[in-house]
Amino acid sequence: MKSTQTMSQKSARESLGNPDLFHGGVYITRNGVAELFIQTAAEREAELAQIEQERQVKALGKIITRAKLDIAQGRHSTPEEVLRRMRAADE
């Protein structure tokens, strides 16, 4: 798990030129209250990639659930039936 740190706005302003200080993310505080979170572009890209992967996993789960329901309710076709319908649509 990534570690985060906390620093004041003044410390953050003084450290903005050094991205190594922001590795793992940094909460910027004002009067001791977290006001801003800074992370590197690489960390943000990794976070967005993980969010997208989770979205795709959920979507796949929904597709599988619907497919199981269709099969249970008899709404399915053999591969031969599907090919026959596709060929008929192309004519």
N, C-alpha and C. Protein backbone atom coordinates (compact mmCIF):
# COMPACT_ATOMS: atom_id res chain seq x y z
N MET A 1 0.84 -1.18 0.00
CA MET A 1 0.00 0.00 0.00
C MET A 1 0.88 1.24 0.00
N LYS A 2 0.43 2.26 -0.71
CA LYS A 2 1.20 3.50 -0.80
C LYS A 2 1.15 4.23 0.53
N SER A 3 2.27 4.84 0.86
CA SER A 3 2.27 5.67 2.05
C SER A 3 2.03 7.11 1.64
N THR A 4 1.32 7.83 2.47
CA THR A 4 1.09 9.24 2.21
C THR A 4 1.70 10.04 3.34
N GLN A 5 1.92 11.29 3.05
CA GLN A 5 2.45 12.17 4.08
C GLN A 5 1.64 13.44 4.08
N THR A 6 1.85 14.25 5.07
CA THR A 6 1.14 15.51 5.22
C THR A 6 2.17 16.62 5.34
N MET A 7 1.89 17.73 4.67
CA MET A 7 2.76 18.90 4.80
C MET A 7 1.92 20.16 4.70
N SER A 8 2.46 21.23 5.22
CA SER A 8 1.75 22.51 5.19
C SER A 8 1.82 23.09 3.79
N GLN A 9 0.96 24.08 3.53
CA GLN A 9 0.98 24.75 2.24
C GLN A 9 2.35 25.40 1.99
N LYS A 10 2.91 26.00 3.02
CA LYS A 10 4.22 26.64 2.88
C LYS A 10 5.27 25.61 2.48
N SER A 11 5.31 24.46 3.15
CA SER A 11 6.27 23.42 2.80
C SER A 11 6.04 22.91 1.39
N ALA A 12 4.78 22.77 0.99
CA ALA A 12 4.45 22.30 -0.36
C ALA A 12 4.95 23.28 -1.40
N ARG A 13 4.72 24.58 -1.20
CA ARG A 13 5.19 25.59 -2.15
C ARG A 13 6.70 25.53 -2.29
N GLU A 14 7.38 25.35 -1.20
CA GLU A 14 8.84 25.30 -1.22
C GLU A 14 9.35 24.01 -1.86
N SER A 15 8.53 22.97 -1.90
CA SER A 15 8.97 21.66 -2.38
C SER A 15 8.44 21.30 -3.76
N LEU A 16 7.64 22.15 -4.38
CA LEU A 16 7.01 21.81 -5.65
C LEU A 16 8.02 21.45 -6.74
N GLY A 17 9.21 21.96 -6.69
CA GLY A 17 10.21 21.65 -7.70
C GLY A 17 10.85 20.28 -7.52
N ASN A 18 10.51 19.58 -6.46
CA ASN A 18 11.12 18.28 -6.18
C ASN A 18 10.04 17.20 -6.13
N PRO A 19 9.73 16.54 -7.29
CA PRO A 19 8.66 15.55 -7.31
C PRO A 19 8.93 14.33 -6.43
N ASP A 20 10.20 14.08 -6.06
CA ASP A 20 10.50 12.94 -5.19
C ASP A 20 9.82 13.09 -3.83
N LEU A 21 9.56 14.30 -3.41
CA LEU A 21 8.92 14.53 -2.12
C LEU A 21 7.44 14.15 -2.14
N PHE A 22 6.87 14.02 -3.35
CA PHE A 22 5.45 13.75 -3.47
C PHE A 22 5.17 12.29 -3.79
N HIS A 23 6.16 11.45 -3.78
CA HIS A 23 5.97 10.03 -4.08
C HIS A 23 5.02 9.42 -3.05
N GLY A 24 4.00 8.75 -3.55
CA GLY A 24 3.03 8.15 -2.65
C GLY A 24 1.90 9.09 -2.29
N GLY A 25 1.96 10.31 -2.76
CA GLY A 25 0.91 11.28 -2.49
C GLY A 25 1.16 12.06 -1.22
N VAL A 26 0.73 13.31 -1.26
CA VAL A 26 0.92 14.19 -0.11
C VAL A 26 -0.36 14.98 0.13
N TYR A 27 -0.83 14.99 1.36
CA TYR A 27 -1.93 15.85 1.75
C TYR A 27 -1.37 17.20 2.14
N ILE A 28 -1.90 18.25 1.54
CA ILE A 28 -1.50 19.61 1.88
C ILE A 28 -2.54 20.15 2.85
N THR A 29 -2.07 20.71 3.95
CA THR A 29 -2.98 21.17 4.99
C THR A 29 -2.95 22.69 5.15
N ARG A 30 -4.05 23.18 5.67
CA ARG A 30 -4.13 24.59 6.09
C ARG A 30 -4.71 24.56 7.49
N ASN A 31 -3.97 25.11 8.41
CA ASN A 31 -4.39 25.10 9.82
C ASN A 31 -4.68 23.68 10.30
N GLY A 32 -3.90 22.72 9.82
CA GLY A 32 -4.03 21.35 10.27
C GLY A 32 -5.14 20.55 9.61
N VAL A 33 -5.86 21.16 8.63
CA VAL A 33 -6.96 20.47 7.96
C VAL A 33 -6.54 20.16 6.52
N ALA A 34 -6.69 18.90 6.11
CA ALA A 34 -6.33 18.51 4.74
C ALA A 34 -7.17 19.30 3.75
N GLU A 35 -6.49 19.91 2.78
CA GLU A 35 -7.18 20.76 1.82
C GLU A 35 -6.91 20.34 0.38
N LEU A 36 -5.81 19.65 0.15
CA LEU A 36 -5.40 19.30 -1.21
C LEU A 36 -4.60 18.01 -1.16
N PHE A 37 -4.67 17.21 -2.22
CA PHE A 37 -3.88 16.00 -2.31
C PHE A 37 -3.06 16.07 -3.58
N ILE A 38 -1.76 15.91 -3.49
CA ILE A 38 -0.87 15.97 -4.64
C ILE A 38 -0.28 14.58 -4.87
N GLN A 39 -0.31 14.14 -6.13
CA GLN A 39 0.33 12.89 -6.49
C GLN A 39 1.00 13.07 -7.86
N THR A 40 1.95 12.20 -8.15
CA THR A 40 2.65 12.32 -9.43
C THR A 40 1.73 11.88 -10.56
N ALA A 41 2.08 12.27 -11.78
CA ALA A 41 1.29 11.88 -12.95
C ALA A 41 1.29 10.37 -13.10
N ALA A 42 2.40 9.71 -12.84
CA ALA A 42 2.47 8.25 -12.95
C ALA A 42 1.51 7.59 -11.96
N GLU A 43 1.45 8.11 -10.74
CA GLU A 43 0.54 7.57 -9.74
C GLU A 43 -0.91 7.76 -10.18
N ARG A 44 -1.21 8.92 -10.74
CA ARG A 44 -2.59 9.19 -11.20
C ARG A 44 -2.96 8.28 -12.35
N GLU A 45 -2.03 8.08 -13.29
CA GLU A 45 -2.29 7.18 -14.42
C GLU A 45 -2.55 5.76 -13.93
N ALA A 46 -1.77 5.30 -12.96
CA ALA A 46 -1.96 3.96 -12.40
C ALA A 46 -3.32 3.87 -11.71
N GLU A 47 -3.70 4.92 -11.00
CA GLU A 47 -4.99 4.95 -10.32
C GLU A 47 -6.14 4.88 -11.34
N LEU A 48 -6.04 5.67 -12.41
CA LEU A 48 -7.07 5.67 -13.44
C LEU A 48 -7.14 4.32 -14.16
N ALA A 49 -5.98 3.69 -14.40
CA ALA A 49 -5.96 2.37 -15.03
C ALA A 49 -6.65 1.34 -14.15
N GLN A 50 -6.42 1.42 -12.85
CA GLN A 50 -7.07 0.50 -11.92
C GLN A 50 -8.58 0.72 -11.89
N ILE A 51 -9.00 1.96 -11.90
CA ILE A 51 -10.44 2.28 -11.92
C ILE A 51 -11.07 1.72 -13.19
N GLU A 52 -10.41 1.88 -14.34
CA GLU A 52 -10.93 1.37 -15.61
C GLU A 52 -11.01 -0.15 -15.59
N GLN A 53 -9.99 -0.80 -15.04
CA GLN A 53 -10.00 -2.26 -14.96
C GLN A 53 -11.16 -2.73 -14.07
N GLU A 54 -11.38 -2.07 -12.95
CA GLU A 54 -12.49 -2.43 -12.07
C GLU A 54 -13.83 -2.24 -12.78
N ARG A 55 -13.95 -1.17 -13.58
CA ARG A 55 -15.18 -0.92 -14.33
C ARG A 55 -15.43 -2.04 -15.34
N GLN A 56 -14.36 -2.48 -16.01
CA GLN A 56 -14.50 -3.56 -16.99
C GLN A 56 -14.86 -4.88 -16.32
N VAL A 57 -14.29 -5.14 -15.16
CA VAL A 57 -14.61 -6.37 -14.42
C VAL A 57 -16.09 -6.37 -14.03
N LYS A 58 -16.58 -5.24 -13.55
CA LYS A 58 -18.00 -5.14 -13.18
C LYS A 58 -18.90 -5.34 -14.40
N ALA A 59 -18.52 -4.74 -15.53
CA ALA A 59 -19.31 -4.89 -16.75
C ALA A 59 -19.33 -6.34 -17.21
N LEU A 60 -18.20 -7.01 -17.14
CA LEU A 60 -18.13 -8.42 -17.51
C LEU A 60 -19.00 -9.27 -16.59
N GLY A 61 -18.99 -8.95 -15.31
CA GLY A 61 -19.85 -9.65 -14.36
C GLY A 61 -21.32 -9.50 -14.72
N LYS A 62 -21.72 -8.30 -15.13
CA LYS A 62 -23.11 -8.07 -15.53
C LYS A 62 -23.45 -8.89 -16.77
N ILE A 63 -22.53 -8.94 -17.74
CA ILE A 63 -22.76 -9.72 -18.96
C ILE A 63 -22.93 -11.19 -18.62
N ILE A 64 -22.08 -11.71 -17.75
CA ILE A 64 -22.16 -13.11 -17.36
C ILE A 64 -23.48 -13.40 -16.66
N THR A 65 -23.87 -12.51 -15.77
CA THR A 65 -25.15 -12.69 -15.05
C THR A 65 -26.32 -12.71 -16.02
N ARG A 66 -26.32 -11.79 -16.97
CA ARG A 66 -27.41 -11.75 -17.96
C ARG A 66 -27.40 -12.99 -18.83
N ALA A 67 -26.21 -13.45 -19.23
CA ALA A 67 -26.12 -14.65 -20.07
C ALA A 67 -26.66 -15.87 -19.32
N LYS A 68 -26.30 -16.00 -18.05
CA LYS A 68 -26.82 -17.12 -17.26
C LYS A 68 -28.34 -17.06 -17.16
N LEU A 69 -28.88 -15.87 -16.96
CA LEU A 69 -30.33 -15.71 -16.88
C LEU A 69 -30.98 -16.08 -18.21
N ASP A 70 -30.41 -15.63 -19.33
CA ASP A 70 -30.94 -15.97 -20.65
C ASP A 70 -30.96 -17.49 -20.86
N ILE A 71 -29.88 -18.15 -20.48
CA ILE A 71 -29.81 -19.60 -20.64
C ILE A 71 -30.85 -20.28 -19.77
N ALA A 72 -30.96 -19.83 -18.53
CA ALA A 72 -31.94 -20.42 -17.61
C ALA A 72 -33.37 -20.25 -18.11
N GLN A 73 -33.62 -19.16 -18.83
CA GLN A 73 -34.98 -18.89 -19.33
C GLN A 73 -35.18 -19.38 -20.76
N GLY A 74 -34.19 -20.13 -21.26
CA GLY A 74 -34.33 -20.73 -22.59
C GLY A 74 -34.09 -19.78 -23.75
N ARG A 75 -33.53 -18.64 -23.48
CA ARG A 75 -33.25 -17.68 -24.56
C ARG A 75 -31.81 -17.87 -25.03
N HIS A 76 -31.61 -18.88 -25.85
CA HIS A 76 -30.27 -19.13 -26.39
C HIS A 76 -30.40 -19.84 -27.72
N SER A 77 -29.32 -19.86 -28.48
CA SER A 77 -29.30 -20.50 -29.79
C SER A 77 -28.04 -21.33 -29.92
N THR A 78 -28.11 -22.33 -30.79
CA THR A 78 -26.91 -23.11 -31.07
C THR A 78 -26.03 -22.30 -32.01
N PRO A 79 -24.75 -22.62 -32.08
CA PRO A 79 -23.88 -21.92 -33.04
C PRO A 79 -24.39 -22.03 -34.47
N GLU A 80 -24.94 -23.16 -34.82
CA GLU A 80 -25.45 -23.37 -36.18
C GLU A 80 -26.62 -22.43 -36.47
N GLU A 81 -27.51 -22.26 -35.48
CA GLU A 81 -28.65 -21.35 -35.65
C GLU A 81 -28.18 -19.90 -35.84
N VAL A 82 -27.19 -19.52 -35.08
CA VAL A 82 -26.65 -18.16 -35.19
C VAL A 82 -26.04 -17.95 -36.57
N LEU A 83 -25.24 -18.89 -37.04
CA LEU A 83 -24.62 -18.79 -38.38
C LEU A 83 -25.69 -18.72 -39.46
N ARG A 84 -26.73 -19.52 -39.34
CA ARG A 84 -27.80 -19.52 -40.33
C ARG A 84 -28.48 -18.15 -40.37
N ARG A 85 -28.77 -17.57 -39.20
CA ARG A 85 -29.39 -16.24 -39.16
C ARG A 85 -28.47 -15.17 -39.73
N MET A 86 -27.16 -15.26 -39.41
CA MET A 86 -26.21 -14.27 -39.94
C MET A 86 -26.11 -14.35 -41.46
N ARG A 87 -26.06 -15.55 -41.97
CA ARG A 87 -25.97 -15.72 -43.43
C ARG A 87 -27.24 -15.22 -44.10
N ALA A 88 -28.39 -15.47 -43.50
CA ALA A 88 -29.65 -15.01 -44.07
C ALA A 88 -29.72 -13.48 -44.06
N ALA A 89 -29.15 -12.84 -43.04
CA ALA A 89 -29.16 -11.38 -42.96
C ALA A 89 -28.25 -10.77 -44.01
N ASP A 90 -27.18 -11.48 -44.40
CA ASP A 90 -26.24 -10.95 -45.39
C ASP A 90 -26.78 -11.02 -46.81
N GLU A 91 -27.80 -11.85 -47.04
CA GLU A 91 -28.33 -12.03 -48.41
C GLU A 91 -29.28 -10.95 -48.80
